PDB file of N, CA and C in Angstrom:
ATOM      1  N   MET A   1      12.139 -13.750 -23.030  1.00  0.00           N
ATOM      2  CA  MET A   1      10.445 -14.133 -23.306  1.00  0.00           C
ATOM      3  C   MET A   1       9.847 -14.705 -21.540  1.00  0.00           C
ATOM      4  N   LYS A   2       8.431 -14.026 -21.359  1.00  0.00           N
ATOM      5  CA  LYS A   2       8.015 -14.073 -20.622  1.00  0.00           C
ATOM      6  C   LYS A   2       6.446 -14.939 -20.070  1.00  0.00           C
ATOM      7  N   LEU A   3       6.621 -15.671 -18.964  1.00  0.00           N
ATOM      8  CA  LEU A   3       5.367 -16.160 -19.102  1.00  0.00           C
ATOM      9  C   LEU A   3       4.231 -14.951 -19.046  1.00  0.00           C
ATOM     10  N   ARG A   4       3.118 -15.169 -19.195  1.00  0.00           N
ATOM     11  CA  ARG A   4       1.733 -14.939 -17.950  1.00  0.00           C
ATOM     12  C   ARG A   4       0.776 -15.443 -18.067  1.00  0.00           C
ATOM     13  N   GLY A   5       0.711 -16.598 -17.125  1.00  0.00           N
ATOM     14  CA  GLY A   5       0.082 -17.611 -17.244  1.00  0.00           C
ATOM     15  C   GLY A   5       0.224 -18.835 -18.180  1.00  0.00           C
ATOM     16  N   LEU A   6      -0.581 -18.751 -19.107  1.00  0.00           N
ATOM     17  CA  LEU A   6       0.003 -19.968 -20.145  1.00  0.00           C
ATOM     18  C   LEU A   6       0.883 -18.692 -21.110  1.00  0.00           C
ATOM     19  N   LEU A   7       0.221 -17.957 -21.533  1.00  0.00           N
ATOM     20  CA  LEU A   7       0.348 -16.982 -22.378  1.00  0.00           C
ATOM     21  C   LEU A   7       2.246 -16.440 -22.914  1.00  0.00           C
ATOM     22  N   ARG A   8       3.305 -16.256 -23.721  1.00  0.00           N
ATOM     23  CA  ARG A   8       3.954 -16.092 -23.346  1.00  0.00           C
ATOM     24  C   ARG A   8       4.081 -14.300 -24.204  1.00  0.00           C
ATOM     25  N   VAL A   9       4.835 -13.786 -23.615  1.00  0.00           N
ATOM     26  CA  VAL A   9       4.639 -12.304 -24.370  1.00  0.00           C
ATOM     27  C   VAL A   9       5.808 -12.042 -24.493  1.00  0.00           C
ATOM     28  N   ARG A  10       6.161 -11.982 -26.038  1.00  0.00           N
ATOM     29  CA  ARG A  10       7.740 -11.098 -26.388  1.00  0.00           C
ATOM     30  C   ARG A  10       8.209  -9.941 -25.999  1.00  0.00           C
ATOM     31  N   LEU A  11       9.456 -10.431 -24.987  1.00  0.00           N
ATOM     32  CA  LEU A  11      10.420  -9.102 -24.946  1.00  0.00           C
ATOM     33  C   LEU A  11      11.601  -8.611 -25.501  1.00  0.00           C
ATOM     34  N   PRO A  12      12.346  -8.477 -25.091  1.00  0.00           N
ATOM     35  CA  PRO A  12      13.410  -7.999 -26.105  1.00  0.00           C
ATOM     36  C   PRO A  12      14.576  -8.762 -25.419  1.00  0.00           C
ATOM     37  N   ILE A  13      15.266  -9.844 -26.347  1.00  0.00           N
ATOM     38  CA  ILE A  13      15.763 -11.440 -26.216  1.00  0.00           C
ATOM     39  C   ILE A  13      16.962 -10.794 -24.902  1.00  0.00           C
ATOM     40  N   MET A  14      17.246 -10.171 -24.565  1.00  0.00           N
ATOM     41  CA  MET A  14      18.237 -10.485 -23.800  1.00  0.00           C
ATOM     42  C   MET A  14      17.869  -9.944 -22.090  1.00  0.00           C
ATOM     43  N   THR A  15      16.489  -9.966 -21.839  1.00  0.00           N
ATOM     44  CA  THR A  15      16.085  -9.823 -20.509  1.00  0.00           C
ATOM     45  C   THR A  15      16.861 -10.906 -19.744  1.00  0.00           C
ATOM     46  N   PRO A  16      16.792  -9.900 -18.457  1.00  0.00           N
ATOM     47  CA  PRO A  16      17.540 -10.583 -17.256  1.00  0.00           C
ATOM     48  C   PRO A  16      17.461 -12.118 -16.743  1.00  0.00           C
ATOM     49  N   VAL A  17      16.176 -12.781 -17.426  1.00  0.00           N
ATOM     50  CA  VAL A  17      15.351 -14.622 -17.101  1.00  0.00           C
ATOM     51  C   VAL A  17      16.238 -15.127 -18.544  1.00  0.00           C
ATOM     52  N   ILE A  18      16.476 -14.434 -19.519  1.00  0.00           N
ATOM     53  CA  ILE A  18      17.145 -15.064 -20.745  1.00  0.00           C
ATOM     54  C   ILE A  18      18.687 -15.029 -20.316  1.00  0.00           C
ATOM     55  N   TRP A  19      19.293 -14.035 -19.613  1.00  0.00           N
ATOM     56  CA  TRP A  19      20.815 -14.112 -19.447  1.00  0.00           C
ATOM     57  C   TRP A  19      20.896 -15.087 -17.981  1.00  0.00           C
ATOM     58  N   ALA A  20      20.452 -15.160 -17.179  1.00  0.00           N
ATOM     59  CA  ALA A  20      20.143 -16.507 -16.371  1.00  0.00           C
ATOM     60  C   ALA A  20      19.999 -17.641 -16.949  1.00  0.00           C
ATOM     61  N   GLY A  21      19.428 -18.014 -17.935  1.00  0.00           N
ATOM     62  CA  GLY A  21      19.203 -19.008 -18.575  1.00  0.00           C
ATOM     63  C   GLY A  21      20.574 -19.262 -19.098  1.00  0.00           C
ATOM     64  N   MET A  22      21.098 -18.611 -19.823  1.00  0.00           N
ATOM     65  CA  MET A  22      22.335 -18.705 -20.697  1.00  0.00           C
ATOM     66  C   MET A  22      23.699 -18.779 -19.875  1.00  0.00           C
ATOM     67  N   GLU A  23      23.529 -17.593 -18.458  1.00  0.00           N
ATOM     68  CA  GLU A  23      24.615 -18.288 -17.104  1.00  0.00           C
ATOM     69  C   GLU A  23      24.228 -19.796 -17.219  1.00  0.00           C
ATOM     70  N   ARG A  24      23.576 -20.226 -16.615  1.00  0.00           N
ATOM     71  CA  ARG A  24      23.032 -22.172 -16.481  1.00  0.00           C
ATOM     72  C   ARG A  24      23.659 -22.630 -17.553  1.00  0.00           C
ATOM     73  N   ILE A  25      23.286 -22.494 -18.401  1.00  0.00           N
ATOM     74  CA  ILE A  25      23.352 -23.177 -20.023  1.00  0.00           C
ATOM     75  C   ILE A  25      25.060 -23.646 -19.860  1.00  0.00           C
ATOM     76  N   LEU A  26      25.679 -22.307 -19.700  1.00  0.00           N
ATOM     77  CA  LEU A  26      27.150 -22.446 -19.869  1.00  0.00           C
ATOM     78  C   LEU A  26      27.878 -23.065 -18.502  1.00  0.00           C
ATOM     79  N   LYS A  27      27.532 -22.999 -17.555  1.00  0.00           N
ATOM     80  CA  LYS A  27      27.991 -23.838 -16.413  1.00  0.00           C
ATOM     81  C   LYS A  27      27.969 -25.416 -16.649  1.00  0.00           C
ATOM     82  N   VAL A  28      26.827 -25.914 -16.936  1.00  0.00           N
ATOM     83  CA  VAL A  28      26.464 -27.018 -17.691  1.00  0.00           C
ATOM     84  C   VAL A  28      26.729 -27.269 -18.613  1.00  0.00           C
ATOM     85  N   GLU A  29      27.766 -26.738 -19.863  1.00  0.00           N
ATOM     86  CA  GLU A  29      28.623 -27.119 -20.987  1.00  0.00           C
ATOM     87  C   GLU A  29      30.257 -27.494 -20.330  1.00  0.00           C
ATOM     88  N   GLU A  30      29.695 -26.757 -19.359  1.00  0.00           N
ATOM     89  CA  GLU A  30      31.117 -27.033 -18.612  1.00  0.00           C
ATOM     90  C   GLU A  30      31.201 -28.183 -17.978  1.00  0.00           C
ATOM     91  N   THR A  31      30.666 -29.045 -17.761  1.00  0.00           N
ATOM     92  CA  THR A  31      30.680 -30.444 -17.069  1.00  0.00           C
ATOM     93  C   THR A  31      30.679 -31.462 -17.673  1.00  0.00           C
ATOM     94  N   SER A  32      30.505 -30.900 -19.223  1.00  0.00           N
ATOM     95  CA  SER A  32      30.287 -32.273 -20.865  1.00  0.00           C
ATOM     96  C   SER A  32      28.873 -32.540 -20.408  1.00  0.00           C
ATOM     97  N   ALA A  33      27.770 -32.683 -19.552  1.00  0.00           N
ATOM     98  CA  ALA A  33      26.705 -32.602 -20.265  1.00  0.00           C
ATOM     99  C   ALA A  33      25.818 -33.033 -20.870  1.00  0.00           C
ATOM    100  N   GLU A  34      24.899 -33.775 -21.567  1.00  0.00           N
ATOM    101  CA  GLU A  34      24.328 -33.868 -22.421  1.00  0.00           C
ATOM    102  C   GLU A  34      22.583 -32.768 -22.091  1.00  0.00           C
ATOM    103  N   TYR A  35      23.058 -33.406 -21.155  1.00  0.00           N
ATOM    104  CA  TYR A  35      20.801 -33.311 -20.862  1.00  0.00           C
ATOM    105  C   TYR A  35      20.958 -32.937 -19.421  1.00  0.00           C
ATOM    106  N   LEU A  36      19.800 -31.571 -19.201  1.00  0.00           N
ATOM    107  CA  LEU A  36      19.902 -30.046 -18.360  1.00  0.00           C
ATOM    108  C   LEU A  36      17.956 -30.401 -18.213  1.00  0.00           C
ATOM    109  N   VAL A  37      18.225 -30.880 -17.313  1.00  0.00           N
ATOM    110  CA  VAL A  37      16.223 -31.675 -16.350  1.00  0.00           C
ATOM    111  C   VAL A  37      15.749 -30.334 -15.534  1.00  0.00           C
ATOM    112  N   THR A  38      14.375 -29.798 -15.524  1.00  0.00           N
ATOM    113  CA  THR A  38      14.116 -29.115 -14.761  1.00  0.00           C
ATOM    114  C   THR A  38      12.669 -29.240 -14.386  1.00  0.00           C
ATOM    115  N   ALA A  39      11.959 -29.306 -13.544  1.00  0.00           N
ATOM    116  CA  ALA A  39      10.748 -30.029 -12.756  1.00  0.00           C
ATOM    117  C   ALA A  39       9.480 -28.941 -13.365  1.00  0.00           C
ATOM    118  N   CYS A  40      10.292 -27.450 -13.737  1.00  0.00           N
ATOM    119  CA  CYS A  40       9.807 -26.105 -13.796  1.00  0.00           C
ATOM    120  C   CYS A  40       9.101 -25.838 -15.142  1.00  0.00           C
ATOM    121  N   PRO A  41       7.955 -25.265 -15.688  1.00  0.00           N
ATOM    122  CA  PRO A  41       7.302 -25.095 -16.807  1.00  0.00           C
ATOM    123  C   PRO A  41       7.943 -23.744 -17.593  1.00  0.00           C
ATOM    124  N   PHE A  42       8.551 -22.981 -15.901  1.00  0.00           N
ATOM    125  CA  PHE A  42       8.845 -21.290 -16.564  1.00  0.00           C
ATOM    126  C   PHE A  42      10.644 -21.736 -16.889  1.00  0.00           C
ATOM    127  N   ARG A  43      11.088 -22.389 -15.872  1.00  0.00           N
ATOM    128  CA  ARG A  43      12.343 -22.799 -16.435  1.00  0.00           C
ATOM    129  C   ARG A  43      12.818 -23.263 -17.722  1.00  0.00           C
ATOM    130  N   LEU A  44      12.043 -23.909 -18.248  1.00  0.00           N
ATOM    131  CA  LEU A  44      11.781 -24.626 -19.063  1.00  0.00           C
ATOM    132  C   LEU A  44      12.140 -24.002 -20.637  1.00  0.00           C
ATOM    133  N   LEU A  45      10.992 -23.600 -20.743  1.00  0.00           N
ATOM    134  CA  LEU A  45      11.320 -22.076 -21.350  1.00  0.00           C
ATOM    135  C   LEU A  45      12.008 -21.072 -21.762  1.00  0.00           C
ATOM    136  N   ASN A  46      12.440 -20.808 -20.506  1.00  0.00           N
ATOM    137  CA  ASN A  46      13.501 -20.123 -20.507  1.00  0.00           C
ATOM    138  C   ASN A  46      14.766 -20.490 -20.581  1.00  0.00           C
ATOM    139  N   LEU A  47      15.052 -21.545 -20.348  1.00  0.00           N
ATOM    140  CA  LEU A  47      16.131 -22.521 -20.515  1.00  0.00           C
ATOM    141  C   LEU A  47      16.644 -23.048 -22.045  1.00  0.00           C
ATOM    142  N   ARG A  48      15.334 -22.970 -22.435  1.00  0.00           N
ATOM    143  CA  ARG A  48      15.407 -23.888 -23.983  1.00  0.00           C
ATOM    144  C   ARG A  48      15.790 -22.428 -25.037  1.00  0.00           C
ATOM    145  N   GLU A  49      15.102 -21.418 -24.585  1.00  0.00           N
ATOM    146  CA  GLU A  49      15.310 -19.918 -25.270  1.00  0.00           C
ATOM    147  C   GLU A  49      16.855 -19.255 -25.469  1.00  0.00           C
ATOM    148  N   ALA A  50      17.306 -20.229 -23.886  1.00  0.00           N
ATOM    149  CA  ALA A  50      19.103 -19.965 -24.216  1.00  0.00           C
ATOM    150  C   ALA A  50      19.983 -20.449 -24.674  1.00  0.00           C
ATOM    151  N   ALA A  51      19.288 -21.403 -24.430  1.00  0.00           N
ATOM    152  CA  ALA A  51      20.034 -22.946 -25.428  1.00  0.00           C
ATOM    153  C   ALA A  51      19.939 -21.945 -26.751  1.00  0.00           C
ATOM    154  N   LYS A  52      18.696 -21.603 -27.314  1.00  0.00           N
ATOM    155  CA  LYS A  52      18.690 -21.439 -28.927  1.00  0.00           C
ATOM    156  C   LYS A  52      19.710 -19.789 -29.008  1.00  0.00           C
ATOM    157  N   ALA A  53      19.498 -19.531 -28.081  1.00  0.00           N
ATOM    158  CA  ALA A  53      20.374 -18.237 -28.372  1.00  0.00           C
ATOM    159  C   ALA A  53      21.787 -18.529 -28.612  1.00  0.00           C
ATOM    160  N   LEU A  54      22.667 -19.515 -27.750  1.00  0.00           N
ATOM    161  CA  LEU A  54      23.580 -19.143 -27.400  1.00  0.00           C
ATOM    162  C   LEU A  54      24.193 -20.915 -28.488  1.00  0.00           C
ATOM    163  N   LYS A  55      22.961 -21.699 -29.418  1.00  0.00           N
ATOM    164  CA  LYS A  55      22.999 -22.393 -30.046  1.00  0.00           C
ATOM    165  C   LYS A  55      23.712 -24.278 -29.136  1.00  0.00           C
ATOM    166  N   SER A  56      23.524 -24.072 -28.000  1.00  0.00           N
ATOM    167  CA  SER A  56      24.235 -24.812 -26.750  1.00  0.00           C
ATOM    168  C   SER A  56      23.761 -26.660 -27.405  1.00  0.00           C
ATOM    169  N   LYS A  57      24.017 -27.575 -28.225  1.00  0.00           N
ATOM    170  CA  LYS A  57      23.729 -28.476 -27.536  1.00  0.00           C
ATOM    171  C   LYS A  57      23.150 -29.784 -26.566  1.00  0.00           C
ATOM    172  N   ILE A  58      23.258 -28.744 -25.680  1.00  0.00           N
ATOM    173  CA  ILE A  58      22.453 -29.464 -24.547  1.00  0.00           C
ATOM    174  C   ILE A  58      20.761 -29.673 -24.463  1.00  0.00           C
ATOM    175  N   LYS A  59      20.080 -30.799 -24.158  1.00  0.00           N
ATOM    176  CA  LYS A  59      18.741 -31.215 -24.912  1.00  0.00           C
ATOM    177  C   LYS A  59      18.478 -29.939 -23.254  1.00  0.00           C
ATOM    178  N   ILE A  60      17.573 -29.418 -23.305  1.00  0.00           N
ATOM    179  CA  ILE A  60      16.142 -29.173 -22.297  1.00  0.00           C
ATOM    180  C   ILE A  60      15.122 -29.995 -22.565  1.00  0.00           C
ATOM    181  N   ILE A  61      15.123 -30.808 -21.286  1.00  0.00           N
ATOM    182  CA  ILE A  61      13.872 -31.740 -21.034  1.00  0.00           C
ATOM    183  C   ILE A  61      13.201 -30.869 -19.654  1.00  0.00           C
ATOM    184  N   TYR A  62      11.769 -31.159 -19.706  1.00  0.00           N
ATOM    185  CA  TYR A  62      10.984 -31.636 -18.977  1.00  0.00           C
ATOM    186  C   TYR A  62      10.476 -32.534 -17.871  1.00  0.00           C
ATOM    187  N   ASP A  63      11.362 -32.341 -16.750  1.00  0.00           N
ATOM    188  CA  ASP A  63      10.687 -33.171 -15.695  1.00  0.00           C
ATOM    189  C   ASP A  63      11.282 -34.930 -15.890  1.00  0.00           C
ATOM    190  N   CYS A  64      12.430 -35.785 -15.319  1.00  0.00           N
ATOM    191  CA  CYS A  64      13.472 -37.220 -15.417  1.00  0.00           C
ATOM    192  C   CYS A  64      11.775 -37.842 -16.343  1.00  0.00           C
ATOM    193  N   LEU A  65      11.093 -38.109 -15.643  1.00  0.00           N
ATOM    194  CA  LEU A  65      10.030 -39.312 -16.305  1.00  0.00           C
ATOM    195  C   LEU A  65      10.127 -38.899 -17.816  1.00  0.00           C
ATOM    196  N   GLU A  66       9.964 -37.947 -18.798  1.00  0.00           N
ATOM    197  CA  GLU A  66      10.512 -37.947 -19.736  1.00  0.00           C
ATOM    198  C   GLU A  66      11.861 -38.591 -19.617  1.00  0.00           C
ATOM    199  N   ILE A  67      12.834 -38.724 -19.239  1.00  0.00           N
ATOM    200  CA  ILE A  67      13.781 -40.232 -19.433  1.00  0.00           C
ATOM    201  C   ILE A  67      13.612 -40.648 -18.659  1.00  0.00           C
ATOM    202  N   LEU A  68      13.363 -41.319 -18.309  1.00  0.00           N
ATOM    203  CA  LEU A  68      12.622 -42.581 -17.769  1.00  0.00           C
ATOM    204  C   LEU A  68      11.792 -43.028 -18.952  1.00  0.00           C
ATOM    205  N   ALA A  69      10.648 -42.347 -19.441  1.00  0.00           N
ATOM    206  CA  ALA A  69      10.079 -42.943 -20.482  1.00  0.00           C
ATOM    207  C   ALA A  69      10.745 -43.153 -21.751  1.00  0.00           C
ATOM    208  N   GLY A  70      12.072 -42.616 -22.000  1.00  0.00           N
ATOM    209  CA  GLY A  70      12.929 -43.462 -22.871  1.00  0.00           C
ATOM    210  C   GLY A  70      12.274 -42.118 -24.243  1.00  0.00           C
ATOM    211  N   VAL A  71      12.174 -41.159 -23.933  1.00  0.00           N
ATOM    212  CA  VAL A  71      11.471 -39.547 -25.064  1.00  0.00           C
ATOM    213  C   VAL A  71      12.554 -39.518 -25.412  1.00  0.00           C
ATOM    214  N   VAL A  72      13.724 -39.369 -24.497  1.00  0.00           N
ATOM    215  CA  VAL A  72      14.821 -38.463 -25.255  1.00  0.00           C
ATOM    216  C   VAL A  72      15.245 -39.638 -26.124  1.00  0.00           C
TER     217      VAL A  72
END
């Protein structure tokens, strides 16, 4: 997926952005972390797509305020 403004444009699933997200997810899984937090809306989308493609159990959340608010 790729962002253009607030719209997502469907691209082939294995774009470099998704590959980068998959690499990040795999590294986080090695640490046994349960959550991955990002403050970037673009990164949030690509990490969620990567986690879905890998069938990862890591929860990708936007900003640490979600943790503090008890949303997770």
